[in-house]
Amino acid sequence: MKRAYLVVFLLIGCSALVSGCYSSAEYLKNATPGSSFYNFNGVHYWKDNITMHASGVNSTWNMTIYVKNDTLDGKPARYMQVITEGNGMNITYDIWSNATTYEVLKMHAKGTIGDYFQDRDTSKLQIYTLPDIGLSYYFVPFWPIKSIMARMADGSIIPITVYSASDNKGFSVTYWVSPQVPVPIKVEMTEKNFKITEMLLEYG
């Protein structure tokens, strides 16, 4: 199992609004699509710690994502199991999507959010109520804003590129990615009244 804890992170600078996001790149040919931040062929699972700050209140929970190639109705599909734990959100989402177009084909939710229990297929749009797992931003073009170096728990130094996109209305999404890690090391979504930060804990 590989660990992605950052000991030193130098120069560290809602999904429903994703439709308004676009890169600050002057030319889209120089932008990077969000899909490139995830190497699904190089990872079986990853775990993030998520902190949400809204209206002066902080909430935190963990989210583990398992991913594999699968089928749905006899056709190839990417299967993702998303497990959220903590802050009253103990629920498992089973999500099948088209591995080429990233279209959500089916989504099932089982577990509790507060006092509400569900065990049913849900609307494909419910994926946007989850903190980012990549699906929300696959088609958004991102612009690299800086390059930094980070020291890992094992003492190694890895290069990180910081990418960002904004809807020019106050909502932005920023990724910290490294070619040596198959999923983003950090994701941050900010708006005037809230901020969601995801930190990679581990992957394998």
N, C-alpha and C. Protein backbone atom coordinates (compact mmCIF):
# COMPACT_ATOMS: atom_id res chain seq x y z
N MET A 1 0.85 -1.18 0.00
CA MET A 1 0.00 0.00 0.00
C MET A 1 0.89 1.24 0.00
N LYS A 2 0.60 2.15 -0.88
CA LYS A 2 1.38 3.37 -0.99
C LYS A 2 0.73 4.46 -0.16
N ARG A 3 1.56 5.27 0.50
CA ARG A 3 1.07 6.39 1.29
C ARG A 3 1.37 7.69 0.59
N ALA A 4 0.45 8.62 0.68
CA ALA A 4 0.65 9.92 0.03
C ALA A 4 0.56 11.06 1.02
N TYR A 5 0.87 10.81 2.28
CA TYR A 5 0.90 11.91 3.25
C TYR A 5 2.00 12.90 2.87
N LEU A 6 1.73 14.16 2.97
CA LEU A 6 2.73 15.18 2.70
C LEU A 6 3.26 15.71 4.02
N VAL A 7 4.57 15.62 4.22
CA VAL A 7 5.20 16.16 5.43
C VAL A 7 5.40 17.65 5.28
N VAL A 8 5.91 18.07 4.13
CA VAL A 8 6.09 19.48 3.85
C VAL A 8 5.43 19.78 2.53
N PHE A 9 4.51 20.72 2.50
CA PHE A 9 3.81 21.07 1.27
C PHE A 9 4.09 22.55 1.02
N LEU A 10 5.02 22.84 0.11
CA LEU A 10 5.48 24.20 -0.10
C LEU A 10 4.56 24.98 -1.02
N LEU A 11 4.35 26.24 -0.71
CA LEU A 11 3.64 27.18 -1.56
C LEU A 11 2.21 26.74 -1.89
N ILE A 12 1.51 26.19 -0.89
CA ILE A 12 0.13 25.81 -1.14
C ILE A 12 -0.72 27.08 -1.27
N GLY A 13 -1.12 27.41 -2.30
CA GLY A 13 -1.81 28.60 -2.61
C GLY A 13 -2.94 28.97 -1.60
N CYS A 14 -20.39 24.78 -5.60
CA CYS A 14 -20.14 23.36 -5.24
C CYS A 14 -20.36 22.60 -6.52
N SER A 15 -19.88 21.48 -6.44
CA SER A 15 -19.89 20.78 -7.70
C SER A 15 -21.09 21.15 -8.57
N ALA A 16 -22.17 21.57 -7.94
CA ALA A 16 -23.36 21.95 -8.72
C ALA A 16 -23.06 23.11 -9.65
N LEU A 17 -22.00 23.85 -9.39
CA LEU A 17 -21.66 25.00 -10.22
C LEU A 17 -20.71 24.63 -11.34
N VAL A 18 -20.46 23.33 -11.50
CA VAL A 18 -19.43 22.92 -12.45
C VAL A 18 -19.74 23.36 -13.86
N SER A 19 -21.03 23.44 -14.19
CA SER A 19 -21.37 23.79 -15.57
C SER A 19 -20.86 25.17 -15.94
N GLY A 20 -20.60 26.01 -14.95
CA GLY A 20 -20.11 27.35 -15.25
C GLY A 20 -18.61 27.47 -15.24
N CYS A 21 -17.90 26.39 -14.92
CA CYS A 21 -16.44 26.46 -14.80
C CYS A 21 -15.77 26.43 -16.16
N TYR A 22 -14.76 27.24 -16.29
CA TYR A 22 -13.89 27.14 -17.46
C TYR A 22 -12.53 27.68 -17.09
N SER A 23 -11.54 27.33 -17.87
CA SER A 23 -10.18 27.68 -17.53
C SER A 23 -9.89 29.13 -17.86
N SER A 24 -8.86 29.66 -17.20
CA SER A 24 -8.41 31.01 -17.51
C SER A 24 -7.43 31.00 -18.67
N ALA A 25 -7.22 29.84 -19.26
CA ALA A 25 -6.31 29.75 -20.40
C ALA A 25 -6.85 30.57 -21.56
N GLU A 26 -5.95 31.33 -22.19
CA GLU A 26 -6.37 32.13 -23.34
C GLU A 26 -6.68 31.23 -24.51
N TYR A 27 -5.93 30.15 -24.63
CA TYR A 27 -6.16 29.21 -25.73
C TYR A 27 -6.42 27.82 -25.13
N LEU A 28 -7.55 27.23 -25.47
CA LEU A 28 -7.92 25.95 -24.90
C LEU A 28 -6.92 24.86 -25.29
N LYS A 29 -6.22 25.04 -26.38
CA LYS A 29 -5.26 24.02 -26.78
C LYS A 29 -4.13 23.91 -25.77
N ASN A 30 -3.92 24.92 -24.97
CA ASN A 30 -2.89 24.89 -23.95
C ASN A 30 -3.43 24.49 -22.58
N ALA A 31 -4.72 24.23 -22.51
CA ALA A 31 -5.34 23.84 -21.25
C ALA A 31 -5.25 22.32 -21.07
N THR A 32 -5.52 21.87 -19.85
CA THR A 32 -5.48 20.45 -19.52
C THR A 32 -6.85 20.02 -19.02
N PRO A 33 -7.47 19.02 -19.65
CA PRO A 33 -8.79 18.57 -19.17
C PRO A 33 -8.67 17.86 -17.84
N GLY A 34 -9.70 18.00 -17.02
CA GLY A 34 -9.69 17.38 -15.70
C GLY A 34 -9.51 15.87 -15.74
N SER A 35 -9.92 15.24 -16.82
CA SER A 35 -9.80 13.78 -16.93
C SER A 35 -8.36 13.31 -16.86
N SER A 36 -7.42 14.16 -17.25
CA SER A 36 -6.02 13.76 -17.28
C SER A 36 -5.41 13.66 -15.88
N PHE A 37 -6.12 14.14 -14.85
CA PHE A 37 -5.60 14.10 -13.49
C PHE A 37 -5.78 12.74 -12.84
N TYR A 38 -6.51 11.83 -13.50
CA TYR A 38 -6.81 10.52 -12.93
C TYR A 38 -6.30 9.42 -13.85
N ASN A 39 -5.39 8.60 -13.36
CA ASN A 39 -4.88 7.46 -14.11
C ASN A 39 -5.55 6.19 -13.58
N PHE A 40 -6.71 5.86 -14.12
CA PHE A 40 -7.47 4.74 -13.61
C PHE A 40 -6.79 3.40 -13.88
N ASN A 41 -5.88 3.37 -14.84
CA ASN A 41 -5.14 2.14 -15.09
C ASN A 41 -4.02 1.93 -14.08
N GLY A 42 -3.72 2.95 -13.30
CA GLY A 42 -2.63 2.85 -12.33
C GLY A 42 -3.07 2.85 -10.89
N VAL A 43 -4.37 2.70 -10.64
CA VAL A 43 -4.87 2.75 -9.27
C VAL A 43 -6.10 1.86 -9.12
N HIS A 44 -6.21 1.20 -7.97
CA HIS A 44 -7.38 0.39 -7.65
C HIS A 44 -8.29 1.09 -6.65
N TYR A 45 -7.68 1.91 -5.81
CA TYR A 45 -8.47 2.66 -4.83
C TYR A 45 -7.65 3.86 -4.37
N TRP A 46 -8.35 4.85 -3.80
CA TRP A 46 -7.67 5.93 -3.09
C TRP A 46 -8.60 6.45 -2.00
N LYS A 47 -7.99 7.08 -1.00
CA LYS A 47 -8.74 7.57 0.15
C LYS A 47 -8.39 9.02 0.39
N ASP A 48 -9.39 9.86 0.52
CA ASP A 48 -9.21 11.28 0.78
C ASP A 48 -9.80 11.65 2.13
N ASN A 49 -9.18 12.62 2.78
CA ASN A 49 -9.80 13.29 3.91
C ASN A 49 -10.39 14.59 3.40
N ILE A 50 -11.63 14.85 3.76
CA ILE A 50 -12.35 16.01 3.23
C ILE A 50 -12.72 16.94 4.38
N THR A 51 -12.42 18.22 4.19
CA THR A 51 -12.82 19.24 5.15
C THR A 51 -13.67 20.27 4.43
N MET A 52 -14.82 20.57 4.99
CA MET A 52 -15.69 21.59 4.41
C MET A 52 -15.87 22.71 5.42
N HIS A 53 -15.61 23.92 4.97
CA HIS A 53 -15.81 25.11 5.81
C HIS A 53 -16.94 25.91 5.19
N ALA A 54 -18.03 26.09 5.95
CA ALA A 54 -19.18 26.84 5.46
C ALA A 54 -19.84 27.55 6.62
N SER A 55 -20.09 28.83 6.44
CA SER A 55 -20.78 29.64 7.45
C SER A 55 -20.09 29.55 8.81
N GLY A 56 -18.77 29.52 8.80
CA GLY A 56 -18.02 29.51 10.04
C GLY A 56 -17.94 28.18 10.74
N VAL A 57 -18.43 27.12 10.11
CA VAL A 57 -18.43 25.78 10.71
C VAL A 57 -17.58 24.85 9.87
N ASN A 58 -16.73 24.06 10.52
CA ASN A 58 -15.90 23.07 9.83
C ASN A 58 -16.48 21.68 10.01
N SER A 59 -16.51 20.92 8.94
CA SER A 59 -16.93 19.52 8.98
C SER A 59 -15.86 18.70 8.28
N THR A 60 -15.64 17.48 8.76
CA THR A 60 -14.62 16.64 8.14
C THR A 60 -15.09 15.20 8.08
N TRP A 61 -14.69 14.50 7.04
CA TRP A 61 -15.01 13.09 6.88
C TRP A 61 -14.01 12.48 5.91
N ASN A 62 -14.05 11.15 5.79
CA ASN A 62 -13.19 10.43 4.85
C ASN A 62 -14.01 9.86 3.71
N MET A 63 -13.39 9.75 2.56
CA MET A 63 -14.05 9.18 1.40
C MET A 63 -13.06 8.24 0.70
N THR A 64 -13.46 6.98 0.53
CA THR A 64 -12.64 5.99 -0.15
C THR A 64 -13.31 5.61 -1.46
N ILE A 65 -12.53 5.60 -2.52
CA ILE A 65 -13.05 5.30 -3.85
C ILE A 65 -12.35 4.07 -4.40
N TYR A 66 -13.12 3.03 -4.71
CA TYR A 66 -12.61 1.84 -5.38
C TYR A 66 -13.03 1.91 -6.84
N VAL A 67 -12.15 1.52 -7.75
CA VAL A 67 -12.46 1.63 -9.16
C VAL A 67 -11.96 0.40 -9.90
N LYS A 68 -12.73 -0.06 -10.87
CA LYS A 68 -12.32 -1.19 -11.69
C LYS A 68 -13.13 -1.19 -12.98
N ASN A 69 -12.62 -1.90 -13.98
CA ASN A 69 -13.36 -2.10 -15.22
C ASN A 69 -14.44 -3.15 -14.97
N ASP A 70 -15.64 -2.90 -15.48
CA ASP A 70 -16.78 -3.77 -15.21
C ASP A 70 -17.69 -3.76 -16.43
N THR A 71 -18.87 -4.32 -16.28
CA THR A 71 -19.89 -4.27 -17.32
C THR A 71 -21.22 -3.85 -16.70
N LEU A 72 -22.08 -3.28 -17.51
CA LEU A 72 -23.44 -2.94 -17.11
C LEU A 72 -24.35 -3.25 -18.28
N ASP A 73 -25.33 -4.11 -18.04
CA ASP A 73 -26.24 -4.56 -19.11
C ASP A 73 -25.46 -5.14 -20.29
N GLY A 74 -24.39 -5.86 -19.97
CA GLY A 74 -23.62 -6.53 -20.99
C GLY A 74 -22.64 -5.66 -21.76
N LYS A 75 -22.52 -4.39 -21.36
CA LYS A 75 -21.62 -3.47 -22.06
C LYS A 75 -20.51 -3.03 -21.11
N PRO A 76 -19.31 -2.76 -21.65
CA PRO A 76 -18.20 -2.32 -20.79
C PRO A 76 -18.56 -1.04 -20.04
N ALA A 77 -18.14 -0.97 -18.79
CA ALA A 77 -18.40 0.22 -17.96
C ALA A 77 -17.32 0.31 -16.89
N ARG A 78 -17.10 1.52 -16.41
CA ARG A 78 -16.21 1.72 -15.26
C ARG A 78 -17.06 1.70 -14.00
N TYR A 79 -16.65 0.88 -13.04
CA TYR A 79 -17.38 0.79 -11.78
C TYR A 79 -16.59 1.49 -10.69
N MET A 80 -17.26 2.36 -9.96
CA MET A 80 -16.65 3.06 -8.83
C MET A 80 -17.54 2.86 -7.60
N GLN A 81 -16.93 2.43 -6.52
CA GLN A 81 -17.64 2.35 -5.24
C GLN A 81 -17.08 3.45 -4.35
N VAL A 82 -17.94 4.35 -3.92
CA VAL A 82 -17.53 5.50 -3.13
C VAL A 82 -18.10 5.34 -1.73
N ILE A 83 -17.22 5.26 -0.74
CA ILE A 83 -17.63 5.04 0.65
C ILE A 83 -17.31 6.29 1.45
N THR A 84 -18.33 6.93 2.00
CA THR A 84 -18.14 8.11 2.84
C THR A 84 -18.36 7.70 4.29
N GLU A 85 -17.46 8.20 5.18
CA GLU A 85 -17.52 7.84 6.59
C GLU A 85 -17.24 9.07 7.44
N GLY A 86 -18.13 9.33 8.38
CA GLY A 86 -17.93 10.44 9.30
C GLY A 86 -18.87 11.59 9.04
N ASN A 87 -19.02 12.45 10.04
CA ASN A 87 -19.86 13.64 9.94
C ASN A 87 -21.31 13.28 9.60
N GLY A 88 -21.76 12.12 10.05
CA GLY A 88 -23.14 11.72 9.83
C GLY A 88 -23.44 11.24 8.42
N MET A 89 -22.40 11.04 7.61
CA MET A 89 -22.62 10.60 6.23
C MET A 89 -21.96 9.24 6.04
N ASN A 90 -22.60 8.20 6.50
CA ASN A 90 -22.08 6.84 6.36
C ASN A 90 -22.88 6.15 5.27
N ILE A 91 -22.39 6.29 4.07
CA ILE A 91 -23.16 5.84 2.92
C ILE A 91 -22.21 5.33 1.83
N THR A 92 -22.67 4.32 1.10
CA THR A 92 -21.89 3.75 -0.01
C THR A 92 -22.62 4.01 -1.31
N TYR A 93 -21.90 4.57 -2.26
CA TYR A 93 -22.44 4.82 -3.60
C TYR A 93 -21.80 3.84 -4.58
N ASP A 94 -22.62 3.17 -5.37
CA ASP A 94 -22.15 2.33 -6.46
C ASP A 94 -22.46 3.08 -7.75
N ILE A 95 -21.42 3.34 -8.54
CA ILE A 95 -21.57 4.18 -9.72
C ILE A 95 -20.97 3.47 -10.93
N TRP A 96 -21.74 3.36 -11.98
CA TRP A 96 -21.25 2.83 -13.25
C TRP A 96 -21.24 3.97 -14.26
N SER A 97 -20.14 4.09 -14.99
CA SER A 97 -20.06 5.16 -15.99
C SER A 97 -19.40 4.63 -17.25
N ASN A 98 -19.64 5.34 -18.35
CA ASN A 98 -19.01 5.01 -19.61
C ASN A 98 -17.53 5.37 -19.51
N ALA A 99 -16.65 4.39 -19.75
CA ALA A 99 -15.22 4.61 -19.55
C ALA A 99 -14.63 5.57 -20.58
N THR A 100 -15.35 5.82 -21.66
CA THR A 100 -14.85 6.72 -22.71
C THR A 100 -15.45 8.12 -22.59
N THR A 101 -16.77 8.18 -22.40
CA THR A 101 -17.44 9.48 -22.35
C THR A 101 -17.62 9.98 -20.92
N TYR A 102 -17.43 9.10 -19.91
CA TYR A 102 -17.59 9.42 -18.49
C TYR A 102 -19.04 9.67 -18.10
N GLU A 103 -19.97 9.38 -18.99
CA GLU A 103 -21.39 9.55 -18.65
C GLU A 103 -21.78 8.59 -17.54
N VAL A 104 -22.47 9.09 -16.51
CA VAL A 104 -22.96 8.23 -15.44
C VAL A 104 -24.14 7.41 -15.97
N LEU A 105 -24.00 6.08 -15.91
CA LEU A 105 -25.02 5.19 -16.44
C LEU A 105 -26.00 4.73 -15.37
N LYS A 106 -25.48 4.52 -14.17
CA LYS A 106 -26.33 4.05 -13.07
C LYS A 106 -25.66 4.42 -11.76
N MET A 107 -26.48 4.75 -10.76
CA MET A 107 -25.96 5.11 -9.45
C MET A 107 -26.88 4.58 -8.38
N HIS A 108 -26.30 3.87 -7.41
CA HIS A 108 -27.07 3.32 -6.30
C HIS A 108 -26.48 3.83 -5.00
N ALA A 109 -27.34 4.20 -4.06
CA ALA A 109 -26.90 4.70 -2.77
C ALA A 109 -27.48 3.85 -1.66
N LYS A 110 -26.62 3.47 -0.68
CA LYS A 110 -27.10 2.71 0.47
C LYS A 110 -26.38 3.22 1.72
N GLY A 111 -27.18 3.58 2.72
CA GLY A 111 -26.61 4.05 3.98
C GLY A 111 -27.39 5.21 4.54
N THR A 112 -26.77 5.91 5.48
CA THR A 112 -27.47 6.97 6.18
C THR A 112 -26.77 8.31 5.99
N ILE A 113 -27.57 9.34 5.83
CA ILE A 113 -27.13 10.72 5.90
C ILE A 113 -27.96 11.35 7.01
N GLY A 114 -27.34 11.53 8.17
CA GLY A 114 -28.11 11.96 9.33
C GLY A 114 -29.07 10.86 9.73
N ASP A 115 -30.35 11.20 9.85
CA ASP A 115 -31.37 10.22 10.20
C ASP A 115 -32.03 9.59 8.98
N TYR A 116 -31.60 10.00 7.81
CA TYR A 116 -32.25 9.52 6.59
C TYR A 116 -31.51 8.30 6.05
N PHE A 117 -32.23 7.20 5.86
CA PHE A 117 -31.66 5.98 5.30
C PHE A 117 -32.18 5.76 3.88
N GLN A 118 -31.29 5.37 3.01
CA GLN A 118 -31.70 5.06 1.65
C GLN A 118 -30.99 3.81 1.16
N ASP A 119 -31.67 3.05 0.35
CA ASP A 119 -31.12 1.87 -0.32
C ASP A 119 -31.85 1.77 -1.65
N ARG A 120 -31.38 2.55 -2.61
CA ARG A 120 -32.12 2.65 -3.86
C ARG A 120 -31.23 3.21 -4.97
N ASP A 121 -31.68 2.98 -6.20
CA ASP A 121 -31.04 3.66 -7.32
C ASP A 121 -31.40 5.13 -7.22
N THR A 122 -30.44 5.98 -7.50
CA THR A 122 -30.67 7.41 -7.38
C THR A 122 -30.48 8.09 -8.72
N SER A 123 -30.90 9.32 -8.79
CA SER A 123 -30.72 10.11 -9.99
C SER A 123 -29.24 10.25 -10.31
N LYS A 124 -28.90 10.23 -11.58
CA LYS A 124 -27.52 10.43 -11.99
C LYS A 124 -27.01 11.79 -11.52
N LEU A 125 -27.91 12.72 -11.33
CA LEU A 125 -27.50 14.05 -10.89
C LEU A 125 -27.00 14.05 -9.45
N GLN A 126 -27.32 13.00 -8.68
CA GLN A 126 -26.88 12.98 -7.29
C GLN A 126 -25.36 12.90 -7.20
N ILE A 127 -24.71 12.48 -8.27
CA ILE A 127 -23.25 12.46 -8.27
C ILE A 127 -22.71 13.85 -7.99
N TYR A 128 -23.43 14.88 -8.36
CA TYR A 128 -22.95 16.24 -8.15
C TYR A 128 -23.09 16.71 -6.72
N THR A 129 -23.82 15.93 -5.89
CA THR A 129 -23.91 16.29 -4.48
C THR A 129 -22.73 15.73 -3.69
N LEU A 130 -21.96 14.84 -4.32
CA LEU A 130 -20.76 14.30 -3.67
C LEU A 130 -19.61 15.27 -3.83
N PRO A 131 -18.72 15.31 -2.86
CA PRO A 131 -17.46 16.03 -3.11
C PRO A 131 -16.78 15.40 -4.31
N ASP A 132 -15.92 16.12 -4.92
CA ASP A 132 -15.35 15.71 -6.19
C ASP A 132 -14.70 14.34 -6.16
N ILE A 133 -15.02 13.48 -7.12
CA ILE A 133 -14.31 12.22 -7.33
C ILE A 133 -13.83 12.16 -8.77
N GLY A 134 -13.80 13.30 -9.42
CA GLY A 134 -13.31 13.34 -10.79
C GLY A 134 -14.40 13.45 -11.82
N LEU A 135 -15.51 12.74 -11.62
CA LEU A 135 -16.55 12.73 -12.63
C LEU A 135 -17.09 14.12 -12.92
N SER A 136 -17.14 14.96 -11.91
CA SER A 136 -17.74 16.28 -12.08
C SER A 136 -16.91 17.19 -12.98
N TYR A 137 -15.61 16.94 -13.05
CA TYR A 137 -14.74 17.91 -13.71
C TYR A 137 -13.95 17.32 -14.88
N TYR A 138 -14.36 16.18 -15.38
CA TYR A 138 -13.63 15.55 -16.47
C TYR A 138 -13.49 16.45 -17.68
N PHE A 139 -14.52 17.21 -17.99
CA PHE A 139 -14.52 17.98 -19.23
C PHE A 139 -14.11 19.43 -19.04
N VAL A 140 -13.84 19.82 -17.81
CA VAL A 140 -13.45 21.20 -17.55
C VAL A 140 -11.99 21.40 -17.94
N PRO A 141 -11.66 22.40 -18.74
CA PRO A 141 -10.25 22.68 -19.06
C PRO A 141 -9.59 23.47 -17.93
N PHE A 142 -8.44 23.00 -17.49
CA PHE A 142 -7.69 23.64 -16.41
C PHE A 142 -6.41 24.25 -16.93
N TRP A 143 -5.95 25.30 -16.24
CA TRP A 143 -4.76 26.02 -16.63
C TRP A 143 -3.70 25.86 -15.55
N PRO A 144 -2.47 25.46 -15.90
CA PRO A 144 -1.42 25.37 -14.88
C PRO A 144 -1.04 26.75 -14.36
N ILE A 145 -1.02 26.90 -13.04
CA ILE A 145 -0.73 28.22 -12.47
C ILE A 145 0.63 28.27 -11.77
N LYS A 146 1.16 27.12 -11.35
CA LYS A 146 2.51 27.10 -10.78
C LYS A 146 2.99 25.66 -10.62
N SER A 147 4.30 25.53 -10.47
CA SER A 147 4.92 24.24 -10.19
C SER A 147 5.66 24.33 -8.87
N ILE A 148 5.52 23.29 -8.04
CA ILE A 148 6.15 23.28 -6.73
C ILE A 148 6.77 21.90 -6.50
N MET A 149 7.48 21.76 -5.39
CA MET A 149 8.04 20.48 -4.98
C MET A 149 7.48 20.15 -3.60
N ALA A 150 7.20 18.87 -3.35
CA ALA A 150 6.67 18.45 -2.05
C ALA A 150 7.47 17.28 -1.53
N ARG A 151 7.68 17.27 -0.22
CA ARG A 151 8.40 16.16 0.42
C ARG A 151 7.39 15.14 0.93
N MET A 152 7.57 13.89 0.55
CA MET A 152 6.66 12.83 0.97
C MET A 152 7.10 12.27 2.32
N ALA A 153 6.25 11.41 2.89
CA ALA A 153 6.54 10.84 4.20
C ALA A 153 7.81 10.01 4.20
N ASP A 154 8.14 9.41 3.05
CA ASP A 154 9.35 8.60 2.99
C ASP A 154 10.61 9.43 2.72
N GLY A 155 10.45 10.75 2.66
CA GLY A 155 11.58 11.63 2.45
C GLY A 155 11.84 12.01 1.01
N SER A 156 11.16 11.36 0.09
CA SER A 156 11.36 11.67 -1.33
C SER A 156 10.73 13.01 -1.68
N ILE A 157 11.27 13.64 -2.71
CA ILE A 157 10.74 14.91 -3.20
C ILE A 157 10.09 14.66 -4.55
N ILE A 158 8.86 15.11 -4.72
CA ILE A 158 8.16 14.91 -5.99
C ILE A 158 7.71 16.26 -6.56
N PRO A 159 7.67 16.35 -7.90
CA PRO A 159 7.17 17.58 -8.53
C PRO A 159 5.64 17.61 -8.54
N ILE A 160 5.09 18.77 -8.33
CA ILE A 160 3.63 18.95 -8.36
C ILE A 160 3.31 20.16 -9.23
N THR A 161 2.31 19.99 -10.07
CA THR A 161 1.79 21.11 -10.85
C THR A 161 0.41 21.46 -10.31
N VAL A 162 0.18 22.74 -10.11
CA VAL A 162 -1.10 23.21 -9.61
C VAL A 162 -1.91 23.74 -10.78
N TYR A 163 -3.11 23.19 -10.95
CA TYR A 163 -4.01 23.58 -12.04
C TYR A 163 -5.26 24.21 -11.43
N SER A 164 -5.83 25.19 -12.12
CA SER A 164 -7.03 25.83 -11.59
C SER A 164 -7.99 26.20 -12.71
N ALA A 165 -9.26 26.28 -12.35
CA ALA A 165 -10.31 26.74 -13.26
C ALA A 165 -11.31 27.56 -12.46
N SER A 166 -11.95 28.51 -13.11
CA SER A 166 -12.89 29.38 -12.42
C SER A 166 -14.07 29.69 -13.33
N ASP A 167 -15.22 29.95 -12.72
CA ASP A 167 -16.38 30.38 -13.51
C ASP A 167 -16.46 31.90 -13.61
N ASN A 168 -15.42 32.60 -13.10
CA ASN A 168 -15.36 34.05 -13.10
C ASN A 168 -16.52 34.70 -12.33
N LYS A 169 -17.15 33.90 -11.47
CA LYS A 169 -18.23 34.42 -10.62
C LYS A 169 -17.94 34.13 -9.15
N GLY A 170 -16.70 33.76 -8.86
CA GLY A 170 -16.31 33.51 -7.49
C GLY A 170 -16.11 32.05 -7.13
N PHE A 171 -16.46 31.13 -8.04
CA PHE A 171 -16.28 29.70 -7.78
C PHE A 171 -15.07 29.20 -8.54
N SER A 172 -14.19 28.48 -7.85
CA SER A 172 -12.99 27.96 -8.49
C SER A 172 -12.71 26.54 -8.01
N VAL A 173 -12.00 25.79 -8.85
CA VAL A 173 -11.56 24.43 -8.54
C VAL A 173 -10.07 24.37 -8.82
N THR A 174 -9.31 23.84 -7.88
CA THR A 174 -7.86 23.77 -8.03
C THR A 174 -7.38 22.36 -7.71
N TYR A 175 -6.49 21.84 -8.56
CA TYR A 175 -5.92 20.51 -8.38
C TYR A 175 -4.41 20.62 -8.16
N TRP A 176 -3.89 19.78 -7.26
CA TRP A 176 -2.45 19.58 -7.10
C TRP A 176 -2.15 18.17 -7.61
N VAL A 177 -1.42 18.05 -8.69
CA VAL A 177 -1.20 16.73 -9.31
C VAL A 177 0.28 16.50 -9.55
N SER A 178 0.65 15.23 -9.52
CA SER A 178 2.04 14.83 -9.78
C SER A 178 2.02 13.66 -10.75
N PRO A 179 2.95 13.61 -11.71
CA PRO A 179 3.02 12.46 -12.62
C PRO A 179 3.37 11.17 -11.90
N GLN A 180 3.86 11.27 -10.67
CA GLN A 180 4.24 10.09 -9.90
C GLN A 180 3.11 9.52 -9.06
N VAL A 181 1.97 10.21 -9.02
CA VAL A 181 0.82 9.78 -8.23
C VAL A 181 -0.39 9.68 -9.17
N PRO A 182 -1.12 8.56 -9.17
CA PRO A 182 -2.18 8.36 -10.18
C PRO A 182 -3.45 9.17 -9.98
N VAL A 183 -3.62 9.80 -8.82
CA VAL A 183 -4.80 10.62 -8.56
C VAL A 183 -4.34 11.93 -7.92
N PRO A 184 -5.19 12.96 -7.91
CA PRO A 184 -4.76 14.24 -7.33
C PRO A 184 -4.34 14.13 -5.87
N ILE A 185 -3.29 14.86 -5.52
CA ILE A 185 -2.82 14.90 -4.14
C ILE A 185 -3.71 15.81 -3.30
N LYS A 186 -4.22 16.84 -3.94
CA LYS A 186 -5.11 17.77 -3.24
C LYS A 186 -6.10 18.34 -4.24
N VAL A 187 -7.33 18.56 -3.78
CA VAL A 187 -8.36 19.23 -4.57
C VAL A 187 -9.00 20.27 -3.67
N GLU A 188 -9.19 21.45 -4.21
CA GLU A 188 -9.82 22.52 -3.42
C GLU A 188 -10.89 23.20 -4.25
N MET A 189 -12.09 23.30 -3.68
CA MET A 189 -13.20 23.99 -4.31
C MET A 189 -13.60 25.15 -3.42
N THR A 190 -13.61 26.34 -3.96
CA THR A 190 -13.89 27.52 -3.13
C THR A 190 -14.95 28.40 -3.77
N GLU A 191 -15.70 29.03 -2.91
CA GLU A 191 -16.70 30.01 -3.31
C GLU A 191 -16.78 31.00 -2.16
N LYS A 192 -17.50 32.05 -2.30
CA LYS A 192 -17.52 33.11 -1.28
C LYS A 192 -17.88 32.57 0.10
N ASN A 193 -18.82 31.64 0.16
CA ASN A 193 -19.34 31.21 1.45
C ASN A 193 -18.91 29.81 1.87
N PHE A 194 -18.08 29.15 1.07
CA PHE A 194 -17.65 27.83 1.49
C PHE A 194 -16.31 27.46 0.84
N LYS A 195 -15.66 26.46 1.44
CA LYS A 195 -14.46 25.88 0.86
C LYS A 195 -14.42 24.40 1.19
N ILE A 196 -14.19 23.56 0.19
CA ILE A 196 -14.03 22.13 0.39
C ILE A 196 -12.61 21.77 -0.01
N THR A 197 -11.90 21.11 0.90
CA THR A 197 -10.53 20.70 0.64
C THR A 197 -10.42 19.20 0.80
N GLU A 198 -9.84 18.54 -0.21
CA GLU A 198 -9.62 17.10 -0.17
C GLU A 198 -8.12 16.85 -0.18
N MET A 199 -7.66 16.05 0.78
CA MET A 199 -6.25 15.68 0.84
C MET A 199 -6.13 14.17 0.69
N LEU A 200 -5.27 13.76 -0.22
CA LEU A 200 -5.05 12.33 -0.44
C LEU A 200 -4.34 11.72 0.76
N LEU A 201 -4.92 10.65 1.31
CA LEU A 201 -4.34 9.95 2.44
C LEU A 201 -3.53 8.74 2.00
N GLU A 202 -4.09 7.98 1.07
CA GLU A 202 -3.42 6.78 0.59
C GLU A 202 -4.01 6.31 -0.71
N TYR A 203 -3.30 5.44 -1.39
CA TYR A 203 -3.82 4.85 -2.62
C TYR A 203 -3.08 3.54 -2.87
N GLY A 204 -3.66 2.74 -3.74
CA GLY A 204 -3.01 1.47 -4.04
C GLY A 204 -3.67 0.77 -5.22
